Amino acid sequence: MGCKTKIEDLLSAVAGVKRVEIDFPNKTADIEMDRHISTSVFTGVLQDYPKYQISGVVTVNPPAPFTEEKETKSWFATYKPIILIFGYITTISVNAAVTNGYFSILEWMRVFMAGFFMTFSFFKMLGLKAFAESYSMYDIIAKRIPVWGYIYAFLELGLGLSYATNFKSSIINYITLLVMSVSIIGVLQSVINKRKIKCACLGAVFNLPMSTVTIIEDALMIAMSIAMIILMR
């Protein structure tokens, strides 16, 4: 699955490609595009990965007359997993922050960040290799050091547990600020360059596109860590 995800992400990054489906048993790549793209373009994309190659005859099948259908998903349908996760985490954190009628913003942020990091690390752990492969497509560190993808998943888990147990909060906030600030750089580059790649925030479980929603996720963690640093002084 890791190899499959990596090839699909590489080919999907080509401008004009709408969908890529790799079938290893049949040794085929089913590529849907909005215009004809030469096979040499796809070969060039894979040139840095010698064990992944496209060869043989490629058949281009244009849509049949009057039968072309475009499957479109609404914004809500696309990001439903993230919306539900944020909804659950927000509900739990708000409930935990209310004590005797008093709302503690520090407690809300602590519980929210614990839930955020532990939930997102959980989905990454379900397909750790596939996540690391996808993450290396855009993260500035993982591109150069592939093992960083594996480390990052466990780092998120560690941050989640630290916030949940309120362990060394002052230090953990600085670590969160550093990690998320580095992480958001690759996300910003991908969104600005309009690269059509899959976001690895929820691992390989959900097929979520890289977008401004991903930027908001990272920016929210950065903002909360800064706020906690200031409020805890």
Protein backbone atom coordinates (compact mmCIF):
# COMPACT_ATOMS: atom_id res chain seq x y z
CA MET A 1 0.00 0.00 0.00
CA GLY A 2 2.92 2.32 0.66
CA CYS A 3 4.30 1.81 -2.86
CA LYS A 4 0.83 2.17 -4.37
CA THR A 5 0.20 5.44 -2.52
CA LYS A 6 3.60 6.85 -3.48
CA ILE A 7 3.14 6.13 -7.21
CA GLU A 8 -0.40 7.49 -7.21
CA ASP A 9 0.75 10.68 -5.46
CA LEU A 10 3.61 11.17 -7.91
CA LEU A 11 1.41 10.72 -10.97
CA SER A 12 -1.46 12.74 -9.49
CA ALA A 13 0.87 15.71 -9.07
CA VAL A 14 1.07 16.08 -12.87
CA ALA A 15 -1.04 19.05 -14.03
CA GLY A 16 -4.18 17.85 -15.80
CA VAL A 17 -4.43 14.51 -14.00
CA LYS A 18 -7.81 14.00 -12.31
CA ARG A 19 -7.48 10.48 -10.92
CA VAL A 20 -4.88 7.72 -10.68
CA GLU A 21 -5.52 4.09 -9.76
CA ILE A 22 -2.63 1.62 -9.61
CA ASP A 23 -3.44 -2.07 -10.04
CA PHE A 24 -0.34 -4.06 -9.05
CA PRO A 25 -1.73 -7.55 -9.88
CA ASN A 26 -2.47 -6.47 -13.47
CA LYS A 27 0.55 -4.15 -13.65
CA THR A 28 -1.53 -1.25 -14.91
CA ALA A 29 -1.96 2.43 -14.12
CA ASP A 30 -5.44 3.77 -14.83
CA ILE A 31 -5.01 7.52 -15.29
CA GLU A 32 -7.91 9.88 -15.88
CA MET A 33 -6.98 13.32 -17.23
CA ASP A 34 -8.78 16.37 -18.53
CA ARG A 35 -6.51 16.52 -21.57
CA HIS A 36 -4.05 14.22 -23.32
CA ILE A 37 -0.72 13.97 -21.51
CA SER A 38 2.23 12.26 -23.17
CA THR A 39 3.52 9.05 -21.59
CA SER A 40 6.97 10.65 -21.49
CA VAL A 41 5.67 13.16 -18.94
CA PHE A 42 4.71 10.38 -16.54
CA THR A 43 8.00 8.60 -17.21
CA GLY A 44 9.83 11.79 -16.32
CA VAL A 45 7.95 12.12 -13.04
CA LEU A 46 9.13 8.64 -12.03
CA GLN A 47 12.73 9.07 -13.17
CA ASP A 48 14.01 9.48 -9.59
CA TYR A 49 12.32 6.21 -8.60
CA PRO A 50 13.90 3.49 -10.82
CA LYS A 51 11.80 0.65 -9.39
CA TYR A 52 8.60 2.43 -10.47
CA GLN A 53 8.39 2.64 -14.26
CA ILE A 54 5.73 2.97 -16.94
CA SER A 55 6.30 0.95 -20.08
CA GLY A 56 4.38 -0.86 -22.80
CA VAL A 57 1.26 0.24 -24.68
CA VAL A 58 -0.93 2.98 -23.26
CA THR A 59 -4.53 3.15 -24.45
CA VAL A 60 -6.35 6.44 -24.19
CA ASN A 61 -10.10 6.03 -23.95
CA PRO A 62 -12.07 9.27 -24.47
CA PRO A 63 -15.49 9.44 -22.79
CA ALA A 64 -18.32 8.06 -24.89
CA PRO A 65 -20.70 10.65 -26.44
CA PHE A 66 -23.50 11.84 -24.15
CA THR A 67 -22.31 9.59 -21.31
CA GLU A 68 -19.66 11.71 -19.68
CA GLU A 69 -20.39 12.12 -15.99
CA LYS A 70 -18.39 14.11 -13.55
CA GLU A 71 -18.47 12.95 -9.99
CA THR A 72 -18.36 16.08 -7.88
CA LYS A 73 -18.30 16.19 -4.13
CA SER A 74 -19.38 19.14 -2.05
CA TRP A 75 -16.92 20.87 0.25
CA PHE A 76 -18.64 19.31 3.27
CA ALA A 77 -18.55 15.79 1.78
CA THR A 78 -14.85 16.15 0.99
CA TYR A 79 -13.82 17.33 4.44
CA LYS A 80 -16.46 15.51 6.47
CA PRO A 81 -13.90 13.35 8.38
CA ILE A 82 -11.97 16.42 9.58
CA ILE A 83 -15.16 18.34 10.40
CA LEU A 84 -16.45 15.45 12.54
CA ILE A 85 -13.10 15.03 14.30
CA PHE A 86 -12.90 18.72 15.13
CA GLY A 87 -16.52 18.67 16.28
CA TYR A 88 -15.96 15.78 18.69
CA ILE A 89 -12.68 17.19 20.04
CA THR A 90 -14.20 20.66 20.51
CA THR A 91 -17.20 19.23 22.38
CA ILE A 92 -15.02 17.21 24.74
CA SER A 93 -12.52 20.03 25.35
CA VAL A 94 -15.21 22.64 26.03
CA ASN A 95 -16.93 20.28 28.48
CA ALA A 96 -13.61 19.61 30.24
CA ALA A 97 -12.84 23.35 30.47
CA VAL A 98 -16.06 24.25 32.28
CA THR A 99 -15.76 23.85 36.03
CA ASN A 100 -18.31 25.29 38.48
CA GLY A 101 -19.62 27.61 35.80
CA TYR A 102 -16.15 28.94 35.01
CA PHE A 103 -14.57 28.43 31.58
CA SER A 104 -10.79 27.93 31.57
CA ILE A 105 -9.31 28.79 28.20
CA LEU A 106 -6.00 27.17 29.15
CA GLU A 107 -7.73 23.90 30.06
CA TRP A 108 -9.76 24.04 26.83
CA MET A 109 -6.65 24.45 24.67
CA ARG A 110 -4.76 21.74 26.59
CA VAL A 111 -7.52 19.15 26.17
CA PHE A 112 -8.17 20.20 22.56
CA MET A 113 -4.49 19.79 21.60
CA ALA A 114 -4.33 16.45 23.41
CA GLY A 115 -7.32 15.19 21.45
CA PHE A 116 -6.03 16.66 18.18
CA PHE A 117 -2.58 15.10 18.31
CA MET A 118 -3.72 11.71 19.62
CA THR A 119 -6.53 11.39 17.07
CA PHE A 120 -4.40 12.41 14.11
CA SER A 121 -1.52 10.15 15.21
CA PHE A 122 -3.99 7.25 15.51
CA PHE A 123 -4.96 7.50 11.83
CA LYS A 124 -1.30 7.78 10.84
CA MET A 125 -0.47 4.62 12.81
CA LEU A 126 -3.10 2.65 10.89
CA GLY A 127 -0.89 2.85 7.80
CA LEU A 128 2.45 4.17 9.02
CA LYS A 129 4.41 3.31 5.89
CA ALA A 130 1.78 4.73 3.57
CA PHE A 131 1.68 7.92 5.65
CA ALA A 132 5.47 8.31 5.54
CA GLU A 133 5.44 7.85 1.75
CA SER A 134 2.72 10.47 1.29
CA TYR A 135 4.28 12.87 3.78
CA SER A 136 7.60 12.80 1.92
CA MET A 137 5.79 14.24 -1.11
CA TYR A 138 5.52 17.71 0.42
CA ASP A 139 7.13 18.03 3.86
CA ILE A 140 10.46 19.90 3.64
CA ILE A 141 12.22 17.55 6.08
CA ALA A 142 10.66 14.25 4.96
CA LYS A 143 11.66 15.00 1.36
CA ARG A 144 15.32 14.88 2.40
CA ILE A 145 15.06 12.48 5.34
CA PRO A 146 12.28 9.92 4.60
CA VAL A 147 12.46 8.43 8.10
CA TRP A 148 11.15 11.74 9.44
CA GLY A 149 7.66 10.67 8.38
CA TYR A 150 7.81 7.74 10.81
CA ILE A 151 9.30 9.92 13.56
CA TYR A 152 6.63 12.59 13.03
CA ALA A 153 3.76 10.14 13.65
CA PHE A 154 5.27 9.07 16.99
CA LEU A 155 6.11 12.69 17.81
CA GLU A 156 2.44 13.60 17.41
CA LEU A 157 1.50 10.74 19.72
CA GLY A 158 4.04 11.97 22.29
CA LEU A 159 2.69 15.51 22.12
CA GLY A 160 -0.86 14.23 22.54
CA LEU A 161 0.04 12.18 25.61
CA SER A 162 2.02 15.08 27.09
CA TYR A 163 -0.93 17.45 26.77
CA ALA A 164 -3.33 14.80 28.10
CA THR A 165 -1.21 14.28 31.25
CA ASN A 166 -0.20 17.96 31.51
CA PHE A 167 3.45 16.89 31.43
CA LYS A 168 6.03 19.70 31.15
CA SER A 169 3.52 22.00 29.49
CA SER A 170 5.90 24.94 29.15
CA ILE A 171 8.42 22.84 27.20
CA ILE A 172 5.82 20.93 25.17
CA ASN A 173 4.30 24.19 23.91
CA TYR A 174 7.64 25.27 22.47
CA ILE A 175 8.15 21.86 20.85
CA THR A 176 4.66 22.06 19.32
CA LEU A 177 5.36 25.56 18.01
CA LEU A 178 8.61 24.42 16.38
CA VAL A 179 7.23 21.19 14.89
CA MET A 180 4.05 22.73 13.48
CA SER A 181 5.89 25.80 12.13
CA VAL A 182 8.19 23.52 10.13
CA SER A 183 5.28 21.33 9.03
CA ILE A 184 3.21 24.23 7.69
CA ILE A 185 6.00 25.32 5.30
CA GLY A 186 5.58 22.30 3.02
CA VAL A 187 1.78 22.64 3.18
CA LEU A 188 1.94 26.32 2.17
CA GLN A 189 4.28 25.53 -0.73
CA SER A 190 1.96 22.81 -2.04
CA VAL A 191 -1.19 24.95 -1.78
CA ILE A 192 0.45 28.05 -3.30
CA ASN A 193 1.84 25.97 -6.19
CA LYS A 194 -1.59 24.33 -6.57
CA ARG A 195 -0.15 20.83 -6.42
CA LYS A 196 -2.89 18.22 -6.61
CA ILE A 197 -1.64 15.82 -3.96
CA LYS A 198 -3.21 14.00 -1.07
CA CYS A 199 -2.96 15.47 2.41
CA ALA A 200 -1.33 13.03 4.82
CA CYS A 201 -2.83 14.64 7.94
CA LEU A 202 -5.12 11.65 8.52
CA GLY A 203 -2.63 9.13 7.18
CA ALA A 204 -3.67 6.99 4.21
CA VAL A 205 -7.14 6.21 5.58
CA PHE A 206 -8.95 9.16 3.99
CA ASN A 207 -8.33 10.63 0.56
CA LEU A 208 -8.24 14.31 1.47
CA PRO A 209 -6.81 16.92 -0.91
CA MET A 210 -4.15 19.38 0.17
CA SER A 211 -5.90 22.72 0.63
CA THR A 212 -6.37 25.76 2.84
CA VAL A 213 -8.10 23.46 5.35
CA THR A 214 -4.73 21.79 5.96
CA ILE A 215 -3.15 25.21 6.50
CA ILE A 216 -5.85 26.08 9.04
CA GLU A 217 -5.17 22.85 10.96
CA ASP A 218 -1.47 23.58 11.36
CA ALA A 219 -2.02 27.30 11.95
CA LEU A 220 -4.51 26.51 14.72
CA MET A 221 -1.95 24.38 16.57
CA ILE A 222 0.67 27.11 16.14
CA ALA A 223 -1.73 29.76 17.44
CA MET A 224 -2.77 27.65 20.44
CA SER A 225 0.82 26.84 21.41
CA ILE A 226 1.73 30.55 21.27
CA ALA A 227 -1.36 31.47 23.31
CA MET A 228 -0.52 28.87 25.96
CA ILE A 229 3.09 30.09 26.17
CA ILE A 230 1.85 33.65 26.76
CA LEU A 231 -0.92 32.75 29.23
CA MET A 232 1.32 30.46 31.29
CA ARG A 233 3.90 33.18 31.97
